[in-house]
Amino acid sequence: MIRSFWVVLGLFALAGCGNQTEPGLASQLGGRFIPALAVEAESAVEPGAPSPETAMLFQVSGLGIVGLGQLVEASGGRRTYLGETGYSVTFEGDVMVATRGFGKDLMAADVSQVRAAIAQRSGTARRVHEYLDARDQISRQVYECTFELKGTEEVDLGLRQVETRILSETCQNPRIVFENVYYIDSNGTVIASRQFVSDVIAYLRNNRL
């Protein structure tokens, strides 16, 4: 279930006061699917008070994080949001492909098949996640995923309520099983989701405003 984020208006106001992007937020760590998260001048979004078009609400229950992320880069189909406490989340389309600042982060992901299955609202897909192990080496996890529509639900985004279809993505490998959930509006837009970060962090929830 996506919670009713009634605090969003207060967070929205606070985020407009002194929102800053710190230099050197993320570095390119190497590896096949590692994306560059550093903001490029030609694709950077101008800093300032967040708006419904440039902000995303994030929740990581295990870390006690509930707050707004400001869009700081949009390039090549990827969007990177910077949170108020310094974390960042990168999406390819509507699928999370990298995080920074959470601890055991998702360093990168190959989700091309996942995006195709979301567009079809069904089917199967393979996703690849990359993490850093204890020796700072890239560790790759491959998951087989199945997609299924599971009814409808009205989602409270804080600023508005939206009727959505629920798309479930169940993924597994010999070590881990997880379920991502996507809430899709009548225009076919994923307006909220719950997506797996890592076995330590568990899930990140996000919704548009």
Protein backbone atom coordinates (compact mmCIF):
# COMPACT_ATOMS: atom_id res chain seq x y z
CA MET A 1 0.00 0.00 0.00
CA ILE A 2 1.12 3.52 -0.80
CA ARG A 3 0.69 5.63 2.30
CA SER A 4 -1.14 8.95 2.32
CA PHE A 5 1.70 11.45 2.48
CA TRP A 6 -0.27 14.26 4.10
CA VAL A 7 3.02 15.89 5.14
CA VAL A 8 3.95 16.60 1.53
CA LEU A 9 2.82 20.22 1.61
CA GLY A 10 5.04 20.99 4.60
CA LEU A 11 7.99 19.18 3.03
CA PHE A 12 7.32 20.99 -0.23
CA ALA A 13 7.61 24.35 1.50
CA LEU A 14 10.71 23.41 3.46
CA ALA A 15 12.48 22.06 0.40
CA GLY A 16 12.23 25.47 -1.24
CA CYS A 17 14.36 27.01 1.50
CA GLY A 18 18.06 26.62 0.82
CA ASN A 19 17.93 23.64 -1.54
CA GLN A 20 21.51 22.97 -2.67
CA THR A 21 23.27 20.42 -4.82
CA GLU A 22 26.61 19.38 -3.39
CA PRO A 23 29.47 18.88 -5.85
CA GLY A 24 30.80 15.38 -6.36
CA LEU A 25 27.48 13.76 -5.51
CA ALA A 26 28.36 10.54 -7.30
CA SER A 27 31.22 9.15 -9.29
CA GLN A 28 31.42 6.73 -12.15
CA LEU A 29 32.54 3.48 -10.58
CA GLY A 30 33.08 1.34 -13.67
CA GLY A 31 31.29 -1.82 -14.69
CA ARG A 32 29.06 -2.50 -17.64
CA PHE A 33 25.85 -0.98 -16.32
CA ILE A 34 27.24 1.71 -14.00
CA PRO A 35 25.61 5.02 -14.99
CA ALA A 36 27.33 8.37 -14.56
CA LEU A 37 25.33 10.30 -11.97
CA ALA A 38 27.38 13.51 -12.07
CA VAL A 39 25.28 16.40 -13.40
CA GLU A 40 26.25 17.59 -16.85
CA ALA A 41 25.83 21.28 -17.59
CA GLU A 42 23.68 20.83 -20.67
CA SER A 43 21.19 18.53 -18.94
CA ALA A 44 21.18 19.93 -15.42
CA VAL A 45 17.93 21.33 -14.04
CA GLU A 46 18.12 24.81 -12.59
CA PRO A 47 18.15 24.73 -8.75
CA GLY A 48 15.34 26.35 -6.80
CA ALA A 49 12.07 25.53 -5.09
CA PRO A 50 10.73 22.16 -6.23
CA SER A 51 7.56 21.95 -8.31
CA PRO A 52 5.27 19.00 -9.09
CA GLU A 53 7.15 18.62 -12.39
CA THR A 54 10.64 18.49 -10.87
CA ALA A 55 10.13 16.80 -7.49
CA MET A 56 9.49 13.26 -6.30
CA LEU A 57 8.47 12.08 -2.83
CA PHE A 58 10.63 9.23 -1.48
CA GLN A 59 10.30 6.88 1.50
CA VAL A 60 12.82 4.33 2.78
CA SER A 61 11.24 2.93 5.92
CA GLY A 62 14.33 1.13 7.19
CA LEU A 63 16.35 4.35 7.17
CA GLY A 64 13.59 6.63 8.44
CA ILE A 65 13.62 8.65 5.23
CA VAL A 66 10.47 10.45 4.08
CA GLY A 67 11.14 13.52 1.97
CA LEU A 68 11.32 15.23 -1.36
CA GLY A 69 13.92 14.66 -4.03
CA GLN A 70 14.64 17.42 -6.53
CA LEU A 71 15.29 16.60 -10.18
CA VAL A 72 18.93 17.53 -10.89
CA GLU A 73 19.57 15.75 -14.18
CA ALA A 74 17.45 14.58 -17.10
CA SER A 75 19.36 13.10 -19.99
CA GLY A 76 19.06 10.16 -22.37
CA GLY A 77 15.83 8.88 -20.82
CA ARG A 78 17.32 8.95 -17.31
CA ARG A 79 16.29 11.20 -14.43
CA THR A 80 18.31 11.71 -11.24
CA TYR A 81 16.76 13.14 -8.07
CA LEU A 82 18.76 14.52 -5.15
CA GLY A 83 17.26 14.16 -1.67
CA GLU A 84 17.49 16.74 1.07
CA THR A 85 19.88 14.59 3.13
CA GLY A 86 22.25 13.96 0.21
CA TYR A 87 21.01 10.66 -1.21
CA SER A 88 20.22 10.31 -4.91
CA VAL A 89 17.96 8.07 -6.96
CA THR A 90 18.21 7.53 -10.73
CA PHE A 91 15.41 6.21 -12.93
CA GLU A 92 15.47 4.91 -16.48
CA GLY A 93 11.94 5.58 -17.60
CA ASP A 94 9.96 4.66 -14.48
CA VAL A 95 12.36 1.95 -13.27
CA MET A 96 14.99 2.66 -10.62
CA VAL A 97 18.50 1.89 -11.91
CA ALA A 98 20.82 3.39 -9.25
CA THR A 99 20.92 4.85 -5.75
CA ARG A 100 23.60 6.61 -3.72
CA GLY A 101 23.72 7.50 -0.04
CA PHE A 102 21.61 4.67 1.41
CA GLY A 103 24.41 2.31 2.48
CA LYS A 104 24.26 -0.87 0.42
CA ASP A 105 23.21 0.95 -2.72
CA LEU A 106 22.03 -0.28 -6.06
CA MET A 107 25.06 0.79 -8.06
CA ALA A 108 23.47 0.12 -11.46
CA ALA A 109 20.88 -2.03 -13.19
CA ASP A 110 20.05 -3.36 -16.63
CA VAL A 111 16.25 -3.06 -16.88
CA SER A 112 15.61 -2.98 -20.63
CA GLN A 113 13.45 -6.14 -20.49
CA VAL A 114 11.67 -4.87 -17.38
CA ARG A 115 10.66 -1.64 -19.10
CA ALA A 116 9.25 -3.61 -22.04
CA ALA A 117 7.20 -5.82 -19.70
CA ILE A 118 5.84 -2.77 -17.86
CA ALA A 119 4.75 -1.28 -21.19
CA GLN A 120 2.94 -4.56 -22.02
CA ARG A 121 1.53 -4.87 -18.46
CA SER A 122 2.44 -8.57 -18.46
CA GLY A 123 5.07 -11.13 -19.38
CA THR A 124 8.48 -12.07 -18.06
CA ALA A 125 11.81 -10.25 -17.93
CA ARG A 126 15.37 -10.56 -16.72
CA ARG A 127 16.89 -7.78 -14.64
CA VAL A 128 20.53 -7.38 -13.61
CA HIS A 129 21.58 -5.50 -10.46
CA GLU A 130 25.12 -4.49 -9.58
CA TYR A 131 26.41 -3.90 -6.05
CA LEU A 132 29.77 -3.32 -4.39
CA ASP A 133 30.95 -6.24 -2.29
CA ALA A 134 33.12 -6.09 0.84
CA ARG A 135 36.25 -5.73 -1.33
CA ASP A 136 34.74 -2.87 -3.36
CA GLN A 137 34.38 -5.17 -6.35
CA ILE A 138 31.30 -5.26 -8.56
CA SER A 139 28.93 -8.08 -7.60
CA ARG A 140 26.21 -8.89 -10.13
CA GLN A 141 22.81 -10.36 -9.27
CA VAL A 142 20.54 -11.69 -12.04
CA TYR A 143 16.79 -12.05 -11.41
CA GLU A 144 14.00 -13.67 -13.39
CA CYS A 145 10.81 -11.62 -13.08
CA THR A 146 7.11 -12.17 -13.78
CA PHE A 147 4.56 -9.37 -14.27
CA GLU A 148 0.88 -9.46 -13.37
CA LEU A 149 -1.93 -6.91 -13.09
CA LYS A 150 -3.54 -7.08 -9.64
CA GLY A 151 -6.62 -4.88 -9.71
CA THR A 152 -7.06 -1.17 -9.06
CA GLU A 153 -6.45 1.22 -6.20
CA GLU A 154 -6.95 4.91 -5.49
CA VAL A 155 -3.58 6.39 -4.56
CA ASP A 156 -3.28 9.49 -2.38
CA LEU A 157 -0.33 11.55 -3.67
CA GLY A 158 -0.76 14.26 -1.06
CA LEU A 159 -1.68 16.94 -3.60
CA ARG A 160 -4.19 14.78 -5.49
CA GLN A 161 -5.85 11.37 -5.55
CA VAL A 162 -5.52 9.14 -8.59
CA GLU A 163 -7.26 5.91 -9.59
CA THR A 164 -4.59 3.43 -10.68
CA ARG A 165 -4.03 -0.07 -11.95
CA ILE A 166 -1.60 -2.15 -9.88
CA LEU A 167 1.17 -3.98 -11.74
CA SER A 168 3.19 -6.49 -9.72
CA GLU A 169 6.72 -7.59 -10.63
CA THR A 170 7.89 -10.68 -8.75
CA CYS A 171 11.62 -11.36 -9.12
CA GLN A 172 13.81 -14.14 -7.82
CA ASN A 173 17.16 -15.83 -8.00
CA PRO A 174 18.58 -18.62 -5.79
CA ARG A 175 19.25 -16.12 -2.99
CA ILE A 176 16.51 -13.49 -3.00
CA VAL A 177 12.83 -13.04 -3.83
CA PHE A 178 11.25 -9.58 -3.98
CA GLU A 179 8.12 -7.92 -5.34
CA ASN A 180 8.09 -4.51 -6.98
CA VAL A 181 4.76 -2.73 -7.39
CA TYR A 182 3.88 -0.05 -9.96
CA TYR A 183 0.77 2.15 -9.77
CA ILE A 184 -0.29 3.20 -13.27
CA ASP A 185 -2.80 5.99 -14.02
CA SER A 186 -5.31 6.19 -16.88
CA ASN A 187 -2.68 7.82 -19.12
CA GLY A 188 -0.33 4.88 -18.69
CA THR A 189 2.02 6.82 -16.39
CA VAL A 190 3.61 5.17 -13.36
CA ILE A 191 2.68 7.72 -10.70
CA ALA A 192 3.90 5.70 -7.70
CA SER A 193 5.94 2.57 -7.07
CA ARG A 194 7.71 0.38 -4.56
CA GLN A 195 11.05 -0.89 -5.87
CA PHE A 196 13.75 -3.11 -4.38
CA VAL A 197 17.11 -1.50 -3.60
CA SER A 198 19.13 -4.26 -1.91
CA ASP A 199 18.87 -7.01 0.69
CA VAL A 200 20.03 -4.54 3.37
CA ILE A 201 17.92 -1.50 2.44
CA ALA A 202 14.87 -3.43 1.15
CA TYR A 203 12.40 -1.17 -0.67
CA LEU A 204 12.22 2.44 -1.77
CA ARG A 205 8.77 3.90 -2.25
CA ASN A 206 8.26 6.92 -4.48
CA ASN A 207 5.40 8.94 -5.89
CA ARG A 208 4.91 11.90 -8.17
CA LEU A 209 3.20 14.98 -6.75
